[in-house]
Amino acid sequence: MYRSKSYIPFSQRLVRGAIGKRCVIKHYKHGVVKTKYPDMSAIVASEKQRACRDSFTAFNAIVKAIYNDPIQRQQWKIKLGNPPHLYQAIFKTYRKEIEEAKIQRLHATNRLIRKSFKEVSKIEVFCYVEVKLCVGTVALGDGRVVEVMESG
């Protein structure tokens, strides 16, 4: 495959990534390529992407406040064992703690919903049997199967 060799100045060959909002320097196996800066104005983010970006921004603000406070910074340094990149370590640990707490709250909510659903399903099945007087088997929410006989 033929690749055109456009001239890229030596000073730009040493750079990787964006140069302002004008161009992007990319390094590939076959050489250095200079491309146009991407136009992202028409991109519409999904709800999940926006939520993820918002949470990332919130975490970043919180970690920045922790990092800028010398007392909290020292406490985190002791807690994490003096890591080489303290800011990233605080961010990772703090986000993990928040995500675990969020998952625990979600599990607790799910347990309550399942428990209430089991109780509601028992009541609904009982009412259904009383009103309709059907014949057959009915499965309850907790895994039990009940035989329903028509009363005559």
C-alpha atoms as a PDB file:
ATOM      1  CA  MET A   1       0.000   0.000   0.000  1.00  0.00           C
ATOM      2  CA  TYR A   2       1.324   3.401  -0.948  1.00  0.00           C
ATOM      3  CA  ARG A   3       1.416   6.069   1.726  1.00  0.00           C
ATOM      4  CA  SER A   4       2.115   9.636   0.785  1.00  0.00           C
ATOM      5  CA  LYS A   5       4.995  11.173   2.707  1.00  0.00           C
ATOM      6  CA  SER A   6       3.862  14.663   3.605  1.00  0.00           C
ATOM      7  CA  TYR A   7       6.413  16.904   5.205  1.00  0.00           C
ATOM      8  CA  ILE A   8       6.132  17.221   8.987  1.00  0.00           C
ATOM      9  CA  PRO A   9       8.704  19.481  10.669  1.00  0.00           C
ATOM     10  CA  PHE A  10      11.176  17.820  13.014  1.00  0.00           C
ATOM     11  CA  SER A  11       9.892  19.799  16.013  1.00  0.00           C
ATOM     12  CA  GLN A  12       6.385  18.382  15.421  1.00  0.00           C
ATOM     13  CA  ARG A  13       7.700  14.837  14.965  1.00  0.00           C
ATOM     14  CA  LEU A  14       8.762  14.875  18.621  1.00  0.00           C
ATOM     15  CA  VAL A  15       5.248  15.772  19.803  1.00  0.00           C
ATOM     16  CA  ARG A  16       2.347  13.384  20.379  1.00  0.00           C
ATOM     17  CA  GLY A  17      -1.274  14.421  20.655  1.00  0.00           C
ATOM     18  CA  ALA A  18      -3.105  17.661  20.017  1.00  0.00           C
ATOM     19  CA  ILE A  19      -1.466  20.977  19.226  1.00  0.00           C
ATOM     20  CA  GLY A  20      -4.068  23.448  20.440  1.00  0.00           C
ATOM     21  CA  LYS A  21      -7.302  22.950  18.504  1.00  0.00           C
ATOM     22  CA  ARG A  22      -5.572  22.948  15.122  1.00  0.00           C
ATOM     23  CA  CYS A  23      -4.100  19.506  14.528  1.00  0.00           C
ATOM     24  CA  VAL A  24      -3.213  16.145  16.112  1.00  0.00           C
ATOM     25  CA  ILE A  25       0.141  14.391  15.750  1.00  0.00           C
ATOM     26  CA  LYS A  26      -0.178  10.591  15.728  1.00  0.00           C
ATOM     27  CA  HIS A  27       2.671   8.073  15.828  1.00  0.00           C
ATOM     28  CA  TYR A  28       2.178   4.794  13.992  1.00  0.00           C
ATOM     29  CA  LYS A  29       4.462   1.925  13.111  1.00  0.00           C
ATOM     30  CA  HIS A  30       4.872   3.264   9.563  1.00  0.00           C
ATOM     31  CA  GLY A  31       5.630   6.818  10.679  1.00  0.00           C
ATOM     32  CA  VAL A  32       4.280  10.073  12.052  1.00  0.00           C
ATOM     33  CA  VAL A  33       0.945  11.404  10.783  1.00  0.00           C
ATOM     34  CA  LYS A  34      -0.487  14.894  11.142  1.00  0.00           C
ATOM     35  CA  THR A  35      -4.310  15.008  11.119  1.00  0.00           C
ATOM     36  CA  LYS A  36      -7.026  17.601  11.522  1.00  0.00           C
ATOM     37  CA  TYR A  37      -8.388  18.185  15.032  1.00  0.00           C
ATOM     38  CA  PRO A  38     -11.747  16.331  15.305  1.00  0.00           C
ATOM     39  CA  ASP A  39     -14.970  18.363  15.305  1.00  0.00           C
ATOM     40  CA  MET A  40     -16.970  17.028  18.262  1.00  0.00           C
ATOM     41  CA  SER A  41     -19.699  19.686  18.187  1.00  0.00           C
ATOM     42  CA  ALA A  42     -22.276  17.370  16.588  1.00  0.00           C
ATOM     43  CA  ILE A  43     -21.762  14.562  19.115  1.00  0.00           C
ATOM     44  CA  VAL A  44     -24.728  13.935  21.423  1.00  0.00           C
ATOM     45  CA  ALA A  45     -23.865  11.967  24.565  1.00  0.00           C
ATOM     46  CA  SER A  46     -26.273   9.344  25.908  1.00  0.00           C
ATOM     47  CA  GLU A  47     -27.799   9.524  29.393  1.00  0.00           C
ATOM     48  CA  LYS A  48     -25.286   6.955  30.696  1.00  0.00           C
ATOM     49  CA  GLN A  49     -22.343   8.876  29.241  1.00  0.00           C
ATOM     50  CA  ARG A  50     -23.557  12.138  30.764  1.00  0.00           C
ATOM     51  CA  ALA A  51     -24.088  10.474  34.147  1.00  0.00           C
ATOM     52  CA  CYS A  52     -20.597   8.940  33.994  1.00  0.00           C
ATOM     53  CA  ARG A  53     -19.022  12.277  33.019  1.00  0.00           C
ATOM     54  CA  ASP A  54     -20.912  14.092  35.771  1.00  0.00           C
ATOM     55  CA  SER A  55     -19.842  11.573  38.417  1.00  0.00           C
ATOM     56  CA  PHE A  56     -16.239  11.764  37.164  1.00  0.00           C
ATOM     57  CA  THR A  57     -16.325  15.567  37.433  1.00  0.00           C
ATOM     58  CA  ALA A  58     -17.773  15.356  40.948  1.00  0.00           C
ATOM     59  CA  PHE A  59     -15.134  12.826  42.061  1.00  0.00           C
ATOM     60  CA  ASN A  60     -12.415  14.981  40.531  1.00  0.00           C
ATOM     61  CA  ALA A  61     -13.604  18.074  42.443  1.00  0.00           C
ATOM     62  CA  ILE A  62     -13.742  16.154  45.738  1.00  0.00           C
ATOM     63  CA  VAL A  63     -10.286  14.630  45.250  1.00  0.00           C
ATOM     64  CA  LYS A  64      -8.856  18.018  44.264  1.00  0.00           C
ATOM     65  CA  ALA A  65     -10.199  19.485  47.525  1.00  0.00           C
ATOM     66  CA  ILE A  66      -8.670  16.587  49.503  1.00  0.00           C
ATOM     67  CA  TYR A  67      -5.352  16.913  47.671  1.00  0.00           C
ATOM     68  CA  ASN A  68      -5.139  20.681  48.237  1.00  0.00           C
ATOM     69  CA  ASP A  69      -5.755  20.353  51.999  1.00  0.00           C
ATOM     70  CA  PRO A  70      -2.384  19.490  53.641  1.00  0.00           C
ATOM     71  CA  ILE A  71      -3.948  17.729  56.651  1.00  0.00           C
ATOM     72  CA  GLN A  72      -6.223  15.480  54.592  1.00  0.00           C
ATOM     73  CA  ARG A  73      -3.422  14.886  52.086  1.00  0.00           C
ATOM     74  CA  GLN A  74      -1.167  13.626  54.893  1.00  0.00           C
ATOM     75  CA  GLN A  75      -3.949  11.398  56.264  1.00  0.00           C
ATOM     76  CA  TRP A  76      -4.523   9.859  52.838  1.00  0.00           C
ATOM     77  CA  LYS A  77      -0.779   9.421  52.324  1.00  0.00           C
ATOM     78  CA  ILE A  78      -0.601   7.446  55.579  1.00  0.00           C
ATOM     79  CA  LYS A  79      -3.791   5.502  54.744  1.00  0.00           C
ATOM     80  CA  LEU A  80      -2.534   4.491  51.292  1.00  0.00           C
ATOM     81  CA  GLY A  81       1.075   3.842  52.267  1.00  0.00           C
ATOM     82  CA  ASN A  82       2.807   6.777  50.495  1.00  0.00           C
ATOM     83  CA  PRO A  83       2.036   5.868  46.849  1.00  0.00           C
ATOM     84  CA  PRO A  84       4.124   7.453  44.058  1.00  0.00           C
ATOM     85  CA  HIS A  85       1.087   9.156  42.459  1.00  0.00           C
ATOM     86  CA  LEU A  86      -1.013  10.280  45.403  1.00  0.00           C
ATOM     87  CA  TYR A  87      -3.724  12.123  43.430  1.00  0.00           C
ATOM     88  CA  GLN A  88      -4.530   9.080  41.263  1.00  0.00           C
ATOM     89  CA  ALA A  89      -4.409   6.750  44.271  1.00  0.00           C
ATOM     90  CA  ILE A  90      -6.837   8.963  46.232  1.00  0.00           C
ATOM     91  CA  PHE A  91      -9.140   9.176  43.215  1.00  0.00           C
ATOM     92  CA  LYS A  92      -9.139   5.414  42.669  1.00  0.00           C
ATOM     93  CA  THR A  93      -9.660   4.534  46.347  1.00  0.00           C
ATOM     94  CA  TYR A  94     -12.334   7.177  46.945  1.00  0.00           C
ATOM     95  CA  ARG A  95     -14.265   6.189  43.821  1.00  0.00           C
ATOM     96  CA  LYS A  96     -14.054   2.505  44.747  1.00  0.00           C
ATOM     97  CA  GLU A  97     -15.371   3.222  48.258  1.00  0.00           C
ATOM     98  CA  ILE A  98     -18.278   5.271  46.890  1.00  0.00           C
ATOM     99  CA  GLU A  99     -19.125   2.640  44.261  1.00  0.00           C
ATOM    100  CA  GLU A 100     -19.076  -0.139  46.887  1.00  0.00           C
ATOM    101  CA  ALA A 101     -21.377   1.885  49.155  1.00  0.00           C
ATOM    102  CA  LYS A 102     -23.688   2.493  46.191  1.00  0.00           C
ATOM    103  CA  ILE A 103     -23.776  -1.242  45.395  1.00  0.00           C
ATOM    104  CA  GLN A 104     -24.491  -2.103  49.043  1.00  0.00           C
ATOM    105  CA  ARG A 105     -27.401   0.382  49.075  1.00  0.00           C
ATOM    106  CA  LEU A 106     -28.688  -1.133  45.836  1.00  0.00           C
ATOM    107  CA  HIS A 107     -28.498  -4.671  47.275  1.00  0.00           C
ATOM    108  CA  ALA A 108     -30.329  -3.554  50.429  1.00  0.00           C
ATOM    109  CA  THR A 109     -33.037  -1.943  48.303  1.00  0.00           C
ATOM    110  CA  ASN A 110     -33.344  -5.072  46.168  1.00  0.00           C
ATOM    111  CA  ARG A 111     -33.675  -7.235  49.272  1.00  0.00           C
ATOM    112  CA  LEU A 112     -36.504  -5.024  50.553  1.00  0.00           C
ATOM    113  CA  ILE A 113     -38.229  -5.107  47.162  1.00  0.00           C
ATOM    114  CA  ARG A 114     -37.945  -8.907  46.929  1.00  0.00           C
ATOM    115  CA  LYS A 115     -39.257  -9.315  50.483  1.00  0.00           C
ATOM    116  CA  SER A 116     -42.217  -7.012  49.869  1.00  0.00           C
ATOM    117  CA  PHE A 117     -42.882  -8.650  46.474  1.00  0.00           C
ATOM    118  CA  LYS A 118     -43.086 -12.072  48.105  1.00  0.00           C
ATOM    119  CA  GLU A 119     -45.603 -10.786  50.621  1.00  0.00           C
ATOM    120  CA  VAL A 120     -47.632  -9.009  47.926  1.00  0.00           C
ATOM    121  CA  SER A 121     -47.593 -12.037  45.618  1.00  0.00           C
ATOM    122  CA  LYS A 122     -49.008 -14.217  48.427  1.00  0.00           C
ATOM    123  CA  ILE A 123     -51.838 -11.761  48.940  1.00  0.00           C
ATOM    124  CA  GLU A 124     -52.519 -11.417  45.194  1.00  0.00           C
ATOM    125  CA  VAL A 125     -52.580 -15.200  44.697  1.00  0.00           C
ATOM    126  CA  PHE A 126     -54.914 -15.614  47.670  1.00  0.00           C
ATOM    127  CA  CYS A 127     -57.289 -12.932  46.362  1.00  0.00           C
ATOM    128  CA  TYR A 128     -57.136 -14.366  42.870  1.00  0.00           C
ATOM    129  CA  VAL A 129     -58.052 -17.817  44.156  1.00  0.00           C
ATOM    130  CA  GLU A 130     -60.939 -16.431  46.261  1.00  0.00           C
ATOM    131  CA  VAL A 131     -62.497 -14.385  43.451  1.00  0.00           C
ATOM    132  CA  LYS A 132     -61.960 -16.530  40.367  1.00  0.00           C
ATOM    133  CA  LEU A 133     -62.224 -19.977  41.954  1.00  0.00           C
ATOM    134  CA  CYS A 134     -59.879 -21.408  39.353  1.00  0.00           C
ATOM    135  CA  VAL A 135     -58.549 -24.971  39.180  1.00  0.00           C
ATOM    136  CA  GLY A 136     -54.836 -25.737  38.703  1.00  0.00           C
ATOM    137  CA  THR A 137     -51.466 -24.946  40.189  1.00  0.00           C
ATOM    138  CA  VAL A 138     -50.238 -21.520  41.222  1.00  0.00           C
ATOM    139  CA  ALA A 139     -46.565 -20.675  41.851  1.00  0.00           C
ATOM    140  CA  LEU A 140     -45.906 -18.319  44.735  1.00  0.00           C
ATOM    141  CA  GLY A 141     -43.013 -15.834  44.763  1.00  0.00           C
ATOM    142  CA  ASP A 142     -40.989 -17.831  47.304  1.00  0.00           C
ATOM    143  CA  GLY A 143     -40.833 -20.947  45.122  1.00  0.00           C
ATOM    144  CA  ARG A 144     -43.774 -22.878  46.575  1.00  0.00           C
ATOM    145  CA  VAL A 145     -46.444 -24.377  44.311  1.00  0.00           C
ATOM    146  CA  VAL A 146     -50.023 -24.527  45.552  1.00  0.00           C
ATOM    147  CA  GLU A 147     -52.822 -26.715  44.186  1.00  0.00           C
ATOM    148  CA  VAL A 148     -56.068 -24.801  43.768  1.00  0.00           C
ATOM    149  CA  MET A 149     -59.308 -26.754  43.718  1.00  0.00           C
ATOM    150  CA  GLU A 150     -62.714 -25.373  42.807  1.00  0.00           C
ATOM    151  CA  SER A 151     -65.068 -25.267  45.763  1.00  0.00           C
ATOM    152  CA  GLY A 152     -68.539 -26.369  44.966  1.00  0.00           C
END
